[in-house]
Amino acid sequence: QVQLVESGGGSVQAGESLRLSCAASGYTYSSYCMAWFRQAPGKEREGVATIDSDGTTNYLDSVKGRFTISQDNAKNTLNLQMNSLRPEDTAMYYCALSRTTGGCWSTFHPGHFPYWGQGTQVTVSS
C-alpha cells in the first residue's frame, strides 16, 4: 500500500525559506513520476514541480529559480526547497506519485497521479 506523508510546512514572512519533505513507502516502481502540487482556498489544485525516476525535473513558471525539487532515493523521500517565498505561494502543498513508463508528463495534471499525501500548509505573510 502506497503511503505519502508530507512535513515541513509552516508560517513564514515573505522572502524567507521553507523545506517540505514527503516520506514515501509501499511502492517498488523502477519508473515513476513524483510531484508537488498546491491548492489555495477557492482555487484549483496546481502543479508546482515534478521529478521522475531519472531525476529530470520540471517547474511551474512562477516558481522557477526559487523552488527546487529533489529526491533522496536511499530514504525514499521527496523534497521541495522553497526560497524567496511570496504571499501568493500560500497554499496547502501535496506530494503525489504515479507509476510511469516514460518519465513525467509535460503538463501538471492532478488526474495523472493516483497516490496523494494528506498535505502540509504553507502560509507566507507580507
N, C-alpha and C. Protein backbone atom coordinates (compact mmCIF):
# COMPACT_ATOMS: atom_id res chain seq x y z
N GLN A 1 0.84 -1.19 0.00
CA GLN A 1 0.00 0.00 0.00
C GLN A 1 0.88 1.24 0.00
N VAL A 2 0.69 2.08 -1.02
CA VAL A 2 1.48 3.30 -1.12
C VAL A 2 1.03 4.29 -0.06
N GLN A 3 2.00 4.89 0.60
CA GLN A 3 1.72 5.91 1.60
C GLN A 3 2.66 7.08 1.40
N LEU A 4 2.10 8.28 1.39
CA LEU A 4 2.88 9.51 1.25
C LEU A 4 2.54 10.41 2.43
N VAL A 5 3.58 10.87 3.12
CA VAL A 5 3.37 11.71 4.30
C VAL A 5 4.23 12.95 4.19
N GLU A 6 3.57 14.12 4.07
CA GLU A 6 4.28 15.38 3.96
C GLU A 6 4.60 15.96 5.34
N SER A 7 5.65 16.78 5.36
CA SER A 7 6.01 17.52 6.56
C SER A 7 6.78 18.77 6.15
N GLY A 8 6.95 19.68 7.10
CA GLY A 8 7.79 20.85 6.87
C GLY A 8 7.07 22.15 6.60
N GLY A 9 5.75 22.11 6.52
CA GLY A 9 5.04 23.35 6.30
C GLY A 9 5.11 24.27 7.50
N GLY A 10 4.64 25.50 7.33
CA GLY A 10 4.64 26.45 8.43
C GLY A 10 4.28 27.84 7.96
N SER A 11 4.46 28.79 8.86
CA SER A 11 4.16 30.20 8.57
C SER A 11 5.46 30.99 8.56
N VAL A 12 5.69 31.72 7.46
CA VAL A 12 6.91 32.50 7.33
C VAL A 12 6.59 33.87 6.76
N GLN A 13 7.58 34.75 6.81
CA GLN A 13 7.47 36.06 6.19
C GLN A 13 7.92 35.97 4.74
N ALA A 14 7.43 36.90 3.93
CA ALA A 14 7.86 36.97 2.53
C ALA A 14 9.38 37.10 2.47
N GLY A 15 9.96 36.36 1.52
CA GLY A 15 11.41 36.37 1.36
C GLY A 15 12.12 35.25 2.10
N GLU A 16 11.43 34.61 3.03
CA GLU A 16 12.04 33.53 3.79
C GLU A 16 11.92 32.20 3.05
N SER A 17 12.45 31.15 3.67
CA SER A 17 12.52 29.83 3.03
C SER A 17 11.84 28.76 3.88
N LEU A 18 11.39 27.72 3.21
CA LEU A 18 10.88 26.52 3.85
C LEU A 18 11.32 25.31 3.04
N ARG A 19 11.44 24.19 3.72
CA ARG A 19 11.77 22.94 3.03
C ARG A 19 10.71 21.92 3.38
N LEU A 20 10.00 21.46 2.36
CA LEU A 20 8.99 20.43 2.53
C LEU A 20 9.59 19.06 2.23
N SER A 21 9.11 18.06 2.95
CA SER A 21 9.54 16.69 2.70
C SER A 21 8.32 15.80 2.58
N CYS A 22 8.48 14.73 1.83
CA CYS A 22 7.42 13.74 1.65
C CYS A 22 8.04 12.36 1.79
N ALA A 23 7.67 11.66 2.84
CA ALA A 23 8.16 10.30 3.06
C ALA A 23 7.27 9.33 2.31
N ALA A 24 7.87 8.58 1.39
CA ALA A 24 7.11 7.66 0.55
C ALA A 24 7.42 6.22 0.92
N SER A 25 6.40 5.39 0.95
CA SER A 25 6.60 3.98 1.25
C SER A 25 5.57 3.14 0.52
N GLY A 26 5.85 1.84 0.43
CA GLY A 26 4.88 0.91 -0.13
C GLY A 26 4.89 0.77 -1.64
N TYR A 27 5.93 1.28 -2.31
CA TYR A 27 5.99 1.10 -3.76
C TYR A 27 7.38 0.65 -4.16
N THR A 28 7.45 -0.07 -5.29
CA THR A 28 8.73 -0.56 -5.79
C THR A 28 8.87 -0.27 -7.27
N TYR A 29 8.28 0.84 -7.71
CA TYR A 29 8.34 1.19 -9.13
C TYR A 29 9.76 1.56 -9.52
N SER A 30 10.23 1.05 -10.63
CA SER A 30 11.53 1.46 -11.13
C SER A 30 11.39 2.71 -11.99
N SER A 31 10.21 2.95 -12.53
CA SER A 31 9.94 4.13 -13.33
C SER A 31 8.72 4.83 -12.77
N TYR A 32 8.89 6.09 -12.38
CA TYR A 32 7.80 6.80 -11.73
C TYR A 32 7.95 8.30 -11.93
N CYS A 33 6.90 9.00 -11.58
CA CYS A 33 6.91 10.44 -11.53
C CYS A 33 6.40 10.87 -10.16
N MET A 34 7.13 11.75 -9.51
CA MET A 34 6.67 12.32 -8.24
C MET A 34 6.52 13.83 -8.41
N ALA A 35 5.60 14.39 -7.69
CA ALA A 35 5.27 15.80 -7.90
C ALA A 35 4.87 16.47 -6.60
N TRP A 36 4.99 17.78 -6.62
CA TRP A 36 4.39 18.65 -5.60
C TRP A 36 3.30 19.46 -6.27
N PHE A 37 2.14 19.45 -5.67
CA PHE A 37 1.02 20.28 -6.07
C PHE A 37 0.68 21.22 -4.91
N ARG A 38 -0.08 22.25 -5.21
CA ARG A 38 -0.58 23.12 -4.15
C ARG A 38 -1.99 23.56 -4.48
N GLN A 39 -2.71 23.89 -3.42
CA GLN A 39 -4.08 24.36 -3.60
C GLN A 39 -4.40 25.43 -2.57
N ALA A 40 -4.71 26.61 -3.08
CA ALA A 40 -5.12 27.72 -2.22
C ALA A 40 -6.64 27.71 -2.11
N PRO A 41 -7.19 28.28 -1.03
CA PRO A 41 -8.65 28.31 -0.86
C PRO A 41 -9.34 28.93 -2.06
N GLY A 42 -10.34 28.24 -2.58
CA GLY A 42 -11.11 28.75 -3.71
C GLY A 42 -10.45 28.61 -5.06
N LYS A 43 -9.28 27.97 -5.09
CA LYS A 43 -8.57 27.81 -6.36
C LYS A 43 -8.37 26.34 -6.68
N GLU A 44 -8.11 26.06 -7.95
CA GLU A 44 -7.85 24.71 -8.37
C GLU A 44 -6.45 24.26 -7.92
N ARG A 45 -6.32 22.94 -7.78
CA ARG A 45 -5.01 22.40 -7.44
C ARG A 45 -4.08 22.58 -8.64
N GLU A 46 -2.88 23.10 -8.39
CA GLU A 46 -1.95 23.34 -9.48
C GLU A 46 -0.62 22.64 -9.21
N GLY A 47 -0.01 22.16 -10.26
CA GLY A 47 1.28 21.51 -10.15
C GLY A 47 2.38 22.53 -9.96
N VAL A 48 3.30 22.22 -9.05
CA VAL A 48 4.41 23.12 -8.73
C VAL A 48 5.71 22.61 -9.35
N ALA A 49 5.97 21.31 -9.19
CA ALA A 49 7.21 20.73 -9.70
C ALA A 49 7.06 19.22 -9.80
N THR A 50 7.79 18.66 -10.75
CA THR A 50 7.82 17.20 -10.90
C THR A 50 9.27 16.72 -11.01
N ILE A 51 9.46 15.46 -10.66
CA ILE A 51 10.75 14.81 -10.84
C ILE A 51 10.49 13.35 -11.17
N ASP A 52 11.22 12.83 -12.16
CA ASP A 52 11.00 11.43 -12.49
C ASP A 52 12.12 10.56 -11.94
N SER A 53 12.03 9.27 -12.19
CA SER A 53 12.97 8.33 -11.60
C SER A 53 14.39 8.52 -12.14
N ASP A 54 14.53 9.24 -13.26
CA ASP A 54 15.86 9.56 -13.79
C ASP A 54 16.40 10.87 -13.26
N GLY A 55 15.58 11.59 -12.50
CA GLY A 55 16.00 12.86 -11.93
C GLY A 55 15.66 14.07 -12.77
N THR A 56 14.93 13.88 -13.86
CA THR A 56 14.53 15.01 -14.69
C THR A 56 13.45 15.81 -13.99
N THR A 57 13.62 17.13 -13.94
CA THR A 57 12.70 17.99 -13.21
C THR A 57 11.97 18.95 -14.15
N ASN A 58 10.85 19.44 -13.64
CA ASN A 58 10.06 20.43 -14.36
C ASN A 58 9.38 21.31 -13.33
N TYR A 59 9.20 22.59 -13.65
CA TYR A 59 8.67 23.53 -12.67
C TYR A 59 7.59 24.41 -13.27
N LEU A 60 6.67 24.81 -12.41
CA LEU A 60 5.71 25.85 -12.73
C LEU A 60 6.50 27.13 -12.96
N ASP A 61 6.13 27.90 -13.98
CA ASP A 61 6.91 29.09 -14.32
C ASP A 61 7.10 30.04 -13.14
N SER A 62 6.08 30.20 -12.33
CA SER A 62 6.14 31.19 -11.25
C SER A 62 7.08 30.79 -10.12
N VAL A 63 7.54 29.54 -10.09
CA VAL A 63 8.45 29.11 -9.03
C VAL A 63 9.85 28.82 -9.54
N LYS A 64 10.06 28.91 -10.84
CA LYS A 64 11.38 28.65 -11.40
C LYS A 64 12.40 29.60 -10.81
N GLY A 65 13.55 29.06 -10.40
CA GLY A 65 14.59 29.87 -9.80
C GLY A 65 14.42 30.08 -8.31
N ARG A 66 13.25 29.72 -7.77
CA ARG A 66 13.00 29.88 -6.33
C ARG A 66 12.83 28.52 -5.64
N PHE A 67 12.19 27.58 -6.30
CA PHE A 67 11.92 26.27 -5.72
C PHE A 67 12.82 25.22 -6.38
N THR A 68 13.20 24.22 -5.59
CA THR A 68 13.99 23.11 -6.10
C THR A 68 13.41 21.80 -5.59
N ILE A 69 13.04 20.92 -6.53
CA ILE A 69 12.55 19.61 -6.17
C ILE A 69 13.71 18.62 -6.22
N SER A 70 13.74 17.70 -5.26
CA SER A 70 14.82 16.71 -5.23
C SER A 70 14.29 15.45 -4.56
N GLN A 71 15.04 14.37 -4.73
CA GLN A 71 14.65 13.12 -4.10
C GLN A 71 15.86 12.45 -3.49
N ASP A 72 15.65 11.83 -2.36
CA ASP A 72 16.67 11.05 -1.69
C ASP A 72 16.23 9.60 -1.79
N ASN A 73 16.76 8.90 -2.77
CA ASN A 73 16.29 7.54 -3.03
C ASN A 73 16.61 6.59 -1.87
N ALA A 74 17.72 6.85 -1.20
CA ALA A 74 18.08 5.98 -0.08
C ALA A 74 17.05 6.07 1.04
N LYS A 75 16.45 7.24 1.17
CA LYS A 75 15.47 7.46 2.24
C LYS A 75 14.04 7.47 1.73
N ASN A 76 13.87 7.23 0.40
CA ASN A 76 12.52 7.30 -0.18
C ASN A 76 11.81 8.59 0.20
N THR A 77 12.52 9.69 0.04
CA THR A 77 11.98 10.99 0.42
C THR A 77 12.01 11.95 -0.75
N LEU A 78 10.92 12.67 -0.92
CA LEU A 78 10.82 13.73 -1.91
C LEU A 78 10.89 15.06 -1.17
N ASN A 79 11.67 16.00 -1.68
CA ASN A 79 11.83 17.29 -1.02
C ASN A 79 11.45 18.44 -1.95
N LEU A 80 11.08 19.54 -1.33
CA LEU A 80 10.86 20.78 -2.08
C LEU A 80 11.46 21.91 -1.27
N GLN A 81 12.58 22.44 -1.75
CA GLN A 81 13.21 23.60 -1.13
C GLN A 81 12.58 24.84 -1.72
N MET A 82 11.98 25.67 -0.88
CA MET A 82 11.29 26.86 -1.34
C MET A 82 11.99 28.09 -0.78
N ASN A 83 12.58 28.88 -1.65
CA ASN A 83 13.27 30.11 -1.27
C ASN A 83 12.51 31.33 -1.78
N SER A 84 12.83 32.47 -1.22
CA SER A 84 12.21 33.73 -1.65
C SER A 84 10.69 33.60 -1.73
N LEU A 85 10.11 33.08 -0.67
CA LEU A 85 8.67 32.83 -0.67
C LEU A 85 7.88 34.12 -0.77
N ARG A 86 6.74 34.03 -1.44
CA ARG A 86 5.85 35.17 -1.67
C ARG A 86 4.48 34.86 -1.07
N PRO A 87 3.70 35.89 -0.75
CA PRO A 87 2.35 35.63 -0.23
C PRO A 87 1.51 34.76 -1.16
N GLU A 88 1.72 34.88 -2.45
CA GLU A 88 0.94 34.08 -3.41
C GLU A 88 1.34 32.61 -3.42
N ASP A 89 2.39 32.25 -2.69
CA ASP A 89 2.75 30.84 -2.54
C ASP A 89 1.94 30.17 -1.42
N THR A 90 1.17 30.95 -0.69
CA THR A 90 0.36 30.40 0.39
C THR A 90 -0.64 29.39 -0.15
N ALA A 91 -0.60 28.18 0.40
CA ALA A 91 -1.47 27.10 -0.06
C ALA A 91 -1.22 25.86 0.77
N MET A 92 -2.10 24.86 0.58
CA MET A 92 -1.81 23.53 1.08
C MET A 92 -0.98 22.84 0.00
N TYR A 93 0.14 22.26 0.42
CA TYR A 93 1.03 21.60 -0.51
C TYR A 93 0.92 20.08 -0.35
N TYR A 94 0.81 19.40 -1.51
CA TYR A 94 0.63 17.96 -1.53
C TYR A 94 1.73 17.31 -2.36
N CYS A 95 2.20 16.14 -1.93
CA CYS A 95 3.05 15.36 -2.81
C CYS A 95 2.21 14.27 -3.46
N ALA A 96 2.64 13.84 -4.63
CA ALA A 96 1.88 12.88 -5.40
C ALA A 96 2.83 11.94 -6.14
N LEU A 97 2.33 10.75 -6.43
CA LEU A 97 3.16 9.72 -7.06
C LEU A 97 2.37 8.98 -8.13
N SER A 98 3.05 8.68 -9.23
CA SER A 98 2.43 7.84 -10.25
C SER A 98 3.48 6.93 -10.87
N ARG A 99 3.09 5.72 -11.13
CA ARG A 99 3.94 4.83 -11.90
C ARG A 99 3.87 5.26 -13.35
N THR A 100 5.01 5.31 -14.03
CA THR A 100 5.01 5.73 -15.43
C THR A 100 5.92 4.83 -16.24
N THR A 101 5.88 5.00 -17.55
CA THR A 101 6.77 4.25 -18.43
C THR A 101 7.77 5.15 -19.14
N GLY A 102 7.54 6.47 -19.10
CA GLY A 102 8.41 7.37 -19.84
C GLY A 102 8.63 8.70 -19.16
N GLY A 103 8.79 8.69 -17.86
CA GLY A 103 9.04 9.92 -17.15
C GLY A 103 7.76 10.67 -16.85
N CYS A 104 7.90 11.91 -16.41
CA CYS A 104 6.74 12.71 -16.07
C CYS A 104 6.10 13.30 -17.32
N TRP A 105 4.86 13.70 -17.17
CA TRP A 105 4.14 14.35 -18.26
C TRP A 105 4.62 15.79 -18.39
N SER A 106 4.42 16.37 -19.55
CA SER A 106 4.85 17.75 -19.76
C SER A 106 3.91 18.74 -19.10
N THR A 107 2.68 18.31 -18.82
CA THR A 107 1.72 19.19 -18.14
C THR A 107 1.46 18.65 -16.74
N PHE A 108 1.15 19.57 -15.83
CA PHE A 108 0.86 19.19 -14.45
C PHE A 108 -0.64 18.96 -14.32
N HIS A 109 -1.05 17.71 -14.37
CA HIS A 109 -2.46 17.42 -14.24
C HIS A 109 -2.68 16.48 -13.06
N PRO A 110 -3.47 16.91 -12.08
CA PRO A 110 -3.68 16.05 -10.90
C PRO A 110 -4.19 14.65 -11.25
N GLY A 111 -4.94 14.56 -12.34
CA GLY A 111 -5.52 13.27 -12.72
C GLY A 111 -4.49 12.23 -13.10
N HIS A 112 -3.26 12.64 -13.36
CA HIS A 112 -2.19 11.69 -13.70
C HIS A 112 -1.72 10.91 -12.48
N PHE A 113 -2.05 11.39 -11.29
CA PHE A 113 -1.46 10.84 -10.08
C PHE A 113 -2.50 10.12 -9.22
N PRO A 114 -2.35 8.82 -9.04
CA PRO A 114 -3.31 8.08 -8.22
C PRO A 114 -3.03 8.13 -6.72
N TYR A 115 -1.82 8.52 -6.34
CA TYR A 115 -1.45 8.49 -4.93
C TYR A 115 -1.10 9.90 -4.44
N TRP A 116 -1.67 10.24 -3.27
CA TRP A 116 -1.52 11.58 -2.71
C TRP A 116 -1.27 11.51 -1.21
N GLY A 117 -0.52 12.51 -0.73
CA GLY A 117 -0.39 12.67 0.70
C GLY A 117 -1.53 13.50 1.24
N GLN A 118 -1.50 13.76 2.54
CA GLN A 118 -2.59 14.48 3.19
C GLN A 118 -2.40 15.99 3.13
N GLY A 119 -1.21 16.44 2.77
CA GLY A 119 -0.95 17.86 2.62
C GLY A 119 -0.29 18.49 3.83
N THR A 120 0.43 19.58 3.56
CA THR A 120 1.04 20.39 4.62
C THR A 120 0.85 21.86 4.26
N GLN A 121 0.45 22.66 5.24
CA GLN A 121 0.09 24.05 4.98
C GLN A 121 1.32 24.95 4.96
N VAL A 122 1.38 25.81 3.96
CA VAL A 122 2.40 26.84 3.87
C VAL A 122 1.69 28.19 3.83
N THR A 123 2.06 29.06 4.75
CA THR A 123 1.47 30.40 4.82
C THR A 123 2.59 31.42 4.79
N VAL A 124 2.51 32.34 3.83
CA VAL A 124 3.52 33.38 3.67
C VAL A 124 2.85 34.73 3.85
N SER A 125 3.33 35.48 4.81
CA SER A 125 2.74 36.79 5.09
C SER A 125 3.67 37.88 4.58
N SER A 126 3.06 38.99 4.20
CA SER A 126 3.84 40.10 3.63
C SER A 126 4.34 41.04 4.71
